[in-house]
Amino acid sequence: MSKLHSKNFKPTYYIGIMSGTSLDGIDAVLTDLNSQTPLLLNTFYQPYDKNLRNQILDLHQSGNNELHLAAILSNKLAHCYAKAVISLLNKHKIKAQNITAIGCHGQTVRHCPQSEMNYSIQLGNASLLAELTGITVVADFRSRDIAAGGQGAPLVPAFHQLLFQDPEINRVIVNIGGISNITSLASNTKIIGFDCGPGNILMDSWCQRHLGTIYDKNGAWAKSGEAIPALLEKLISLKFFSDSPPKSTGREIFNLTWLEKYLSGNERPEDVQATLLQLTSKAITDAILLWHPDATEIYLCGGGARNIELISKIQISLHGKKVAPTDALGINAEWLEAFAFAWLAKQTIQGTPSNIPSVTSAKGERILGAVYQS
């Protein structure tokens, strides 16, 4: 009999919700966090429609009446998150009152931890989400770490450590979402993690502009082109790539406006796509080889872990190291980040710190998130 169905076992259910910088949609997961080994029970994906995606994109830049628009969009997102939660509960045939809490990251529209102001904004009305679902919500995970002098990101390395650290193996976990970030799980040193550059964000945006699709499936379009060495050299020369960690980033840096500064306008679109894929690969592999050269196993998660052409480039650059999706360790690569926010919610509810100061540069460990009771 499985642990889930044992008569002597009472599960502790949490839901994790993640909607990342790729702006493809909402990942929602149902988890059981009653034991030291978290269990991923069920999943639900809800894509963003084109209008909602465009509204989110618009708020990445200052504009007219943006405070009003942000408030309206936060409410819209709360309804979308609630719909995903209800669908997930129905899928698993479980009642809302059996869920301890929802961990909801929210939709990032500004991330500026390096500026003098030091802030990060995630939209999503957590109070409304609690009302719509009847479930306690934990949100606003980044603010406390930033207040303590940290970057507020990445926040998932603590969960990577829990799931994947091995006392005898030097591993690196690479999350390839809109932005790529890495977690070094060296067996005998402190945990290090940081954003290393664009993940899918530039490739998806370029694909949407020229093909009208939200992403380049399996990297097939990129494979049809040839990377442009001079363009790649210009892009990789951005100071962010050579900065030492801790560091984090977002659409504030990596966007099509930034890319277009380096284009002549005569490039074939597929060649630019091939270059962007090479940029993502190089940002990841350079960071691993520079900061974690002793790593022997590299595990990939996030949507980019399914990009066959991208994974091929990473494997070539990291020849001699094992490169595989986190599926090989028992966790589906596409759901790991949402899974992490369910666990982060548990940490908050239990009053346990969940940031790693060596990752974010915060002054110390902090309890993250704000709680909105049902």
Protein backbone atom coordinates (compact mmCIF):
# COMPACT_ATOMS: atom_id res chain seq x y z
CA MET A 1 0.00 0.00 0.00
CA SER A 2 1.37 3.42 -0.93
CA LYS A 3 2.09 6.04 1.68
CA LEU A 4 -0.67 8.21 0.25
CA HIS A 5 -3.33 5.58 0.85
CA SER A 6 -2.11 4.12 4.14
CA LYS A 7 -4.84 4.14 6.79
CA ASN A 8 -2.30 5.32 9.38
CA PHE A 9 -1.08 8.23 7.29
CA LYS A 10 -2.73 11.63 7.34
CA PRO A 11 -1.52 13.84 4.48
CA THR A 12 -0.83 17.56 4.85
CA TYR A 13 -1.91 19.19 1.64
CA TYR A 14 -0.43 22.38 0.22
CA ILE A 15 -0.92 23.93 -3.20
CA GLY A 16 1.85 25.73 -5.08
CA ILE A 17 1.20 28.26 -7.83
CA MET A 18 3.84 29.62 -10.17
CA SER A 19 3.45 32.01 -13.10
CA GLY A 20 6.89 33.01 -14.28
CA THR A 21 8.58 35.51 -16.55
CA SER A 22 7.88 33.37 -19.62
CA LEU A 23 4.24 34.53 -19.35
CA ASP A 24 2.94 31.27 -20.79
CA GLY A 25 0.48 30.55 -18.01
CA ILE A 26 -0.12 29.18 -14.52
CA ASP A 27 1.38 26.03 -13.04
CA ALA A 28 -0.56 24.70 -10.04
CA VAL A 29 0.43 21.63 -8.04
CA LEU A 30 -1.11 19.67 -5.19
CA THR A 31 1.45 18.39 -2.71
CA ASP A 32 1.62 16.39 0.48
CA LEU A 33 4.20 17.89 2.84
CA ASN A 34 3.61 15.77 5.91
CA SER A 35 6.97 14.00 5.79
CA GLN A 36 10.60 14.94 5.21
CA THR A 37 10.21 13.84 1.60
CA PRO A 38 7.68 16.13 -0.13
CA LEU A 39 5.22 14.39 -2.44
CA LEU A 40 3.92 15.84 -5.71
CA LEU A 41 0.39 14.46 -6.07
CA ASN A 42 -1.23 16.21 -9.00
CA THR A 43 -0.77 19.08 -11.42
CA PHE A 44 -2.78 21.53 -13.49
CA TYR A 45 -1.70 23.97 -16.19
CA GLN A 46 -3.77 26.96 -17.26
CA PRO A 47 -2.44 29.01 -20.19
CA TYR A 48 -2.69 32.78 -20.32
CA ASP A 49 -4.81 34.17 -23.11
CA LYS A 50 -3.18 36.67 -25.47
CA ASN A 51 -4.91 39.73 -23.97
CA LEU A 52 -3.84 38.90 -20.42
CA ARG A 53 -0.28 38.22 -21.56
CA ASN A 54 -0.14 41.59 -23.32
CA GLN A 55 -1.53 43.40 -20.26
CA ILE A 56 1.20 41.87 -18.12
CA LEU A 57 3.87 42.81 -20.64
CA ASP A 58 2.63 46.40 -20.76
CA LEU A 59 3.15 46.77 -17.01
CA HIS A 60 6.81 45.91 -17.28
CA GLN A 61 7.28 49.49 -18.48
CA SER A 62 6.07 52.73 -16.91
CA GLY A 63 2.93 54.06 -18.55
CA ASN A 64 -0.25 56.06 -18.14
CA ASN A 65 -2.48 55.11 -15.20
CA GLU A 66 -0.28 52.15 -14.33
CA LEU A 67 -1.32 52.01 -10.65
CA HIS A 68 -4.96 51.52 -11.64
CA LEU A 69 -4.04 49.00 -14.32
CA ALA A 70 -1.84 47.07 -11.88
CA ALA A 71 -4.67 46.85 -9.35
CA ILE A 72 -7.14 45.64 -11.97
CA LEU A 73 -4.64 43.10 -13.28
CA SER A 74 -3.95 41.83 -9.75
CA ASN A 75 -7.65 41.07 -9.40
CA LYS A 76 -7.76 39.36 -12.80
CA LEU A 77 -4.79 37.21 -11.83
CA ALA A 78 -6.44 36.27 -8.53
CA HIS A 79 -9.45 34.99 -10.46
CA CYS A 80 -7.14 33.05 -12.82
CA TYR A 81 -5.23 31.55 -9.90
CA ALA A 82 -8.51 30.61 -8.18
CA LYS A 83 -9.77 28.92 -11.33
CA ALA A 84 -6.56 26.89 -11.52
CA VAL A 85 -6.83 25.90 -7.85
CA ILE A 86 -10.46 24.82 -8.21
CA SER A 87 -9.63 22.81 -11.34
CA LEU A 88 -6.74 21.14 -9.51
CA LEU A 89 -8.96 20.25 -6.54
CA ASN A 90 -11.63 18.85 -8.82
CA LYS A 91 -9.01 16.84 -10.68
CA HIS A 92 -7.82 15.26 -7.45
CA LYS A 93 -11.33 15.09 -5.92
CA ILE A 94 -10.32 16.90 -2.74
CA LYS A 95 -12.11 19.65 -0.82
CA ALA A 96 -10.71 23.13 -0.20
CA GLN A 97 -10.99 22.73 3.57
CA ASN A 98 -8.43 19.93 3.41
CA ILE A 99 -5.73 22.28 2.06
CA THR A 100 -3.50 23.90 4.66
CA ALA A 101 -2.41 26.78 2.43
CA ILE A 102 -1.65 27.97 -1.08
CA GLY A 103 1.83 29.26 -1.84
CA CYS A 104 1.41 31.79 -4.64
CA HIS A 105 4.46 33.49 -6.12
CA GLY A 106 2.41 36.01 -8.11
CA GLN A 107 3.29 37.52 -11.47
CA THR A 108 6.52 39.52 -11.47
CA VAL A 109 6.29 42.80 -13.37
CA ARG A 110 9.31 44.62 -11.90
CA HIS A 111 12.43 43.20 -10.30
CA CYS A 112 15.02 45.82 -9.31
CA PRO A 113 16.96 44.54 -6.30
CA GLN A 114 20.23 46.13 -7.44
CA SER A 115 18.82 49.66 -7.63
CA GLU A 116 18.96 52.20 -4.81
CA MET A 117 15.23 51.62 -4.20
CA ASN A 118 15.57 47.83 -3.87
CA TYR A 119 12.20 46.37 -4.73
CA SER A 120 10.44 43.55 -6.54
CA ILE A 121 6.77 43.63 -7.53
CA GLN A 122 4.58 40.57 -8.02
CA LEU A 123 0.95 41.08 -8.98
CA GLY A 124 -1.90 38.94 -7.71
CA ASN A 125 -4.44 39.90 -5.06
CA ALA A 126 -3.75 37.33 -2.34
CA SER A 127 -6.68 38.49 -0.20
CA LEU A 128 -9.05 37.98 -3.10
CA LEU A 129 -7.51 34.58 -3.86
CA ALA A 130 -8.16 33.52 -0.25
CA GLU A 131 -11.78 34.69 -0.55
CA LEU A 132 -12.35 32.95 -3.88
CA THR A 133 -10.90 29.61 -2.78
CA GLY A 134 -11.62 29.57 0.95
CA ILE A 135 -7.98 28.59 1.48
CA THR A 136 -5.24 30.44 3.38
CA VAL A 137 -2.78 32.04 0.97
CA VAL A 138 0.91 32.77 1.45
CA ALA A 139 2.31 35.36 -0.97
CA ASP A 140 4.90 38.17 -1.28
CA PHE A 141 7.86 35.86 -0.72
CA ARG A 142 10.59 38.20 -1.94
CA SER A 143 10.04 41.39 0.09
CA ARG A 144 11.45 40.23 3.43
CA ASP A 145 14.67 38.96 1.89
CA ILE A 146 15.11 42.26 0.03
CA ALA A 147 14.42 44.20 3.23
CA ALA A 148 17.24 42.19 4.83
CA GLY A 149 19.64 43.31 2.11
CA GLY A 150 19.10 40.38 -0.25
CA GLN A 151 18.19 40.05 -3.91
CA GLY A 152 14.86 38.41 -3.14
CA ALA A 153 15.75 35.76 -5.72
CA PRO A 154 16.31 33.01 -6.49
CA LEU A 155 14.24 31.47 -3.71
CA VAL A 156 14.08 27.85 -4.85
CA PRO A 157 17.66 26.76 -3.93
CA ALA A 158 16.54 25.83 -0.40
CA PHE A 159 14.02 23.42 -1.92
CA HIS A 160 16.64 22.11 -4.35
CA GLN A 161 18.86 21.43 -1.33
CA LEU A 162 16.10 19.51 0.44
CA LEU A 163 15.29 17.34 -2.55
CA PHE A 164 18.55 16.86 -4.39
CA GLN A 165 21.65 17.38 -2.24
CA ASP A 166 23.85 14.29 -2.00
CA PRO A 167 26.73 14.06 0.49
CA GLU A 168 28.98 12.37 -2.08
CA ILE A 169 28.03 14.05 -5.36
CA ASN A 170 28.62 17.62 -6.56
CA ARG A 171 25.39 18.54 -8.31
CA VAL A 172 24.08 21.65 -10.01
CA ILE A 173 20.36 22.24 -10.54
CA VAL A 174 19.55 24.53 -13.46
CA ASN A 175 16.09 26.08 -13.65
CA ILE A 176 15.40 27.27 -17.20
CA GLY A 177 12.26 29.37 -17.01
CA GLY A 178 12.00 32.85 -18.48
CA ILE A 179 15.28 33.50 -16.67
CA SER A 180 17.87 30.80 -15.99
CA ASN A 181 19.20 30.27 -12.50
CA ILE A 182 21.52 27.70 -11.02
CA THR A 183 21.90 26.10 -7.60
CA SER A 184 25.24 24.58 -6.64
CA LEU A 185 24.76 21.63 -4.31
CA ALA A 186 28.42 20.93 -3.65
CA SER A 187 28.85 18.20 -1.08
CA ASN A 188 31.26 20.09 1.18
CA THR A 189 30.64 23.84 0.75
CA LYS A 190 27.85 26.32 1.29
CA ILE A 191 24.95 26.44 -1.13
CA ILE A 192 25.34 28.99 -3.93
CA GLY A 193 22.61 30.01 -6.34
CA PHE A 194 22.01 32.90 -8.72
CA ASP A 195 20.37 34.02 -11.93
CA CYS A 196 22.85 33.48 -14.76
CA GLY A 197 20.97 35.09 -17.66
CA PRO A 198 18.04 34.62 -20.01
CA GLY A 199 16.30 31.29 -20.19
CA ASN A 200 13.34 31.18 -22.55
CA ILE A 201 12.48 34.87 -22.30
CA LEU A 202 14.26 36.15 -25.43
CA MET A 203 13.68 33.04 -27.53
CA ASP A 204 9.95 33.07 -26.74
CA SER A 205 9.58 36.78 -27.49
CA TRP A 206 11.41 36.50 -30.81
CA CYS A 207 9.37 33.43 -31.73
CA GLN A 208 6.10 35.20 -30.91
CA ARG A 209 7.07 38.16 -33.07
CA HIS A 210 8.07 36.17 -36.15
CA LEU A 211 6.07 32.92 -35.96
CA GLY A 212 3.10 33.96 -33.86
CA THR A 213 3.60 31.01 -31.52
CA ILE A 214 4.36 31.38 -27.83
CA TYR A 215 7.53 29.27 -27.96
CA ASP A 216 9.88 27.35 -30.26
CA LYS A 217 8.89 23.73 -29.69
CA ASN A 218 11.97 21.56 -29.13
CA GLY A 219 14.10 24.42 -30.47
CA ALA A 220 13.23 23.33 -34.02
CA TRP A 221 13.18 26.87 -35.44
CA ALA A 222 16.50 27.70 -33.80
CA LYS A 223 17.96 24.49 -35.21
CA SER A 224 16.95 25.61 -38.71
CA GLY A 225 19.15 28.70 -38.40
CA GLU A 226 22.82 29.36 -37.74
CA ALA A 227 24.08 31.32 -34.75
CA ILE A 228 25.71 34.64 -35.60
CA PRO A 229 29.09 34.75 -33.80
CA ALA A 230 29.43 38.55 -33.86
CA LEU A 231 25.93 39.03 -32.44
CA LEU A 232 26.51 36.43 -29.73
CA GLU A 233 29.76 38.15 -28.75
CA LYS A 234 27.98 41.50 -28.39
CA LEU A 235 25.15 40.02 -26.31
CA ILE A 236 27.38 38.04 -23.97
CA SER A 237 29.53 41.13 -23.34
CA LEU A 238 26.77 42.58 -21.14
CA LYS A 239 28.23 43.30 -17.71
CA PHE A 240 25.60 41.18 -15.96
CA PHE A 241 27.21 37.99 -17.27
CA SER A 242 30.60 38.79 -15.75
CA ASP A 243 29.23 40.09 -12.44
CA SER A 244 29.91 37.89 -9.44
CA PRO A 245 26.97 36.35 -7.58
CA PRO A 246 24.72 36.91 -5.74
CA LYS A 247 22.75 38.36 -8.63
CA SER A 248 19.25 38.19 -10.11
CA THR A 249 17.59 39.66 -13.16
CA GLY A 250 14.43 39.83 -15.29
CA ARG A 251 12.73 41.55 -18.21
CA GLU A 252 14.17 44.88 -17.06
CA ILE A 253 17.42 43.79 -18.74
CA PHE A 254 16.56 40.96 -21.09
CA ASN A 255 13.91 42.12 -23.56
CA LEU A 256 13.56 42.70 -27.29
CA THR A 257 14.40 46.39 -26.97
CA TRP A 258 17.79 45.39 -25.55
CA LEU A 259 18.27 42.81 -28.32
CA GLU A 260 17.36 45.22 -31.10
CA LYS A 261 20.21 47.55 -30.16
CA TYR A 262 22.58 44.93 -31.54
CA LEU A 263 20.69 44.01 -34.71
CA SER A 264 21.35 45.50 -38.14
CA GLY A 265 17.94 44.46 -39.44
CA ASN A 266 19.45 42.28 -42.16
CA GLU A 267 19.69 39.11 -40.10
CA ARG A 268 17.52 36.11 -40.93
CA PRO A 269 15.03 35.66 -38.06
CA GLU A 270 15.92 31.99 -37.66
CA ASP A 271 19.61 32.92 -37.32
CA VAL A 272 18.76 35.36 -34.54
CA GLN A 273 16.75 32.61 -32.85
CA ALA A 274 19.73 30.26 -33.12
CA THR A 275 21.91 32.97 -31.56
CA LEU A 276 19.48 33.51 -28.69
CA LEU A 277 19.43 29.79 -27.98
CA GLN A 278 23.22 29.80 -28.00
CA LEU A 279 23.18 32.80 -25.61
CA THR A 280 20.99 30.91 -23.14
CA SER A 281 23.20 27.83 -23.38
CA LYS A 282 26.42 29.81 -23.01
CA ALA A 283 25.14 31.81 -20.03
CA ILE A 284 24.31 28.56 -18.23
CA THR A 285 27.42 26.60 -19.10
CA ASP A 286 29.83 29.49 -18.54
CA ALA A 287 28.36 30.03 -15.07
CA ILE A 288 28.72 26.36 -14.20
CA LEU A 289 32.28 26.10 -15.49
CA LEU A 290 33.34 29.30 -13.74
CA TRP A 291 31.62 28.94 -10.38
CA HIS A 292 31.05 25.17 -10.07
CA PRO A 293 33.74 23.45 -12.18
CA ASP A 294 33.81 20.38 -9.91
CA ALA A 295 30.13 19.57 -10.53
CA THR A 296 29.73 16.13 -12.05
CA GLU A 297 25.95 16.02 -12.41
CA ILE A 298 23.79 18.77 -13.94
CA TYR A 299 20.01 18.45 -13.62
CA LEU A 300 17.64 20.70 -15.54
CA CYS A 301 14.14 21.87 -14.69
CA GLY A 302 11.65 24.44 -15.99
CA GLY A 303 10.13 24.64 -19.45
CA GLY A 304 13.56 24.94 -21.06
CA ALA A 305 14.41 21.44 -19.88
CA ARG A 306 12.16 20.19 -22.72
CA ASN A 307 13.95 22.20 -25.44
CA ILE A 308 15.83 19.42 -27.23
CA GLU A 309 18.14 21.74 -29.19
CA LEU A 310 19.03 23.78 -26.11
CA ILE A 311 19.80 20.67 -24.06
CA SER A 312 22.00 19.38 -26.88
CA LYS A 313 24.06 22.58 -26.82
CA ILE A 314 24.42 22.40 -23.03
CA GLN A 315 25.53 18.77 -23.19
CA ILE A 316 28.17 19.59 -25.80
CA SER A 317 29.58 22.44 -23.72
CA LEU A 318 29.58 20.34 -20.55
CA HIS A 319 31.11 17.26 -22.13
CA GLY A 320 32.11 14.76 -19.48
CA LYS A 321 29.40 15.81 -17.03
CA LYS A 322 26.04 14.10 -16.68
CA VAL A 323 23.25 16.36 -18.00
CA ALA A 324 19.64 15.27 -17.52
CA PRO A 325 16.22 16.65 -16.49
CA THR A 326 15.25 16.37 -12.82
CA ASP A 327 12.89 13.60 -13.92
CA ALA A 328 15.95 11.38 -13.48
CA LEU A 329 15.82 12.23 -9.76
CA GLY A 330 12.10 11.55 -9.52
CA ILE A 331 10.69 15.10 -9.92
CA ASN A 332 9.04 16.21 -13.16
CA ALA A 333 11.14 19.10 -14.49
CA GLU A 334 8.16 21.22 -15.54
CA TRP A 335 6.52 21.31 -12.11
CA LEU A 336 9.47 21.77 -9.78
CA GLU A 337 9.14 25.54 -9.28
CA ALA A 338 5.44 25.43 -8.40
CA PHE A 339 6.27 22.52 -6.08
CA ALA A 340 8.85 24.74 -4.40
CA PHE A 341 6.30 27.44 -3.62
CA ALA A 342 4.02 24.93 -1.93
CA TRP A 343 6.97 24.05 0.30
CA LEU A 344 7.86 27.72 0.85
CA ALA A 345 4.28 28.28 2.03
CA LYS A 346 4.71 25.47 4.53
CA GLN A 347 7.89 27.08 5.83
CA THR A 348 6.02 30.35 6.34
CA ILE A 349 3.05 28.73 8.08
CA GLN A 350 5.42 26.89 10.42
CA GLY A 351 7.48 30.01 11.11
CA THR A 352 10.65 28.55 9.60
CA PRO A 353 13.19 30.59 7.56
CA SER A 354 13.48 29.57 3.91
CA ASN A 355 15.95 31.95 2.30
CA ILE A 356 19.64 31.10 1.98
CA PRO A 357 21.81 34.15 2.73
CA SER A 358 24.71 32.78 0.65
CA VAL A 359 22.33 32.76 -2.33
CA THR A 360 20.50 36.07 -1.97
CA SER A 361 23.10 38.02 0.10
CA ALA A 362 20.53 38.77 2.82
CA LYS A 363 21.96 39.64 6.24
CA GLY A 364 20.58 36.43 7.68
CA GLU A 365 17.89 33.78 7.52
CA ARG A 366 14.37 35.14 7.36
CA ILE A 367 10.81 33.83 7.42
CA LEU A 368 9.47 34.74 3.99
CA GLY A 369 5.96 35.57 2.83
CA ALA A 370 2.81 37.21 4.08
CA VAL A 371 -0.13 35.10 5.27
CA TYR A 372 -3.72 35.81 4.21
CA GLN A 373 -6.03 33.67 6.32
CA SER A 374 -9.03 32.05 4.71
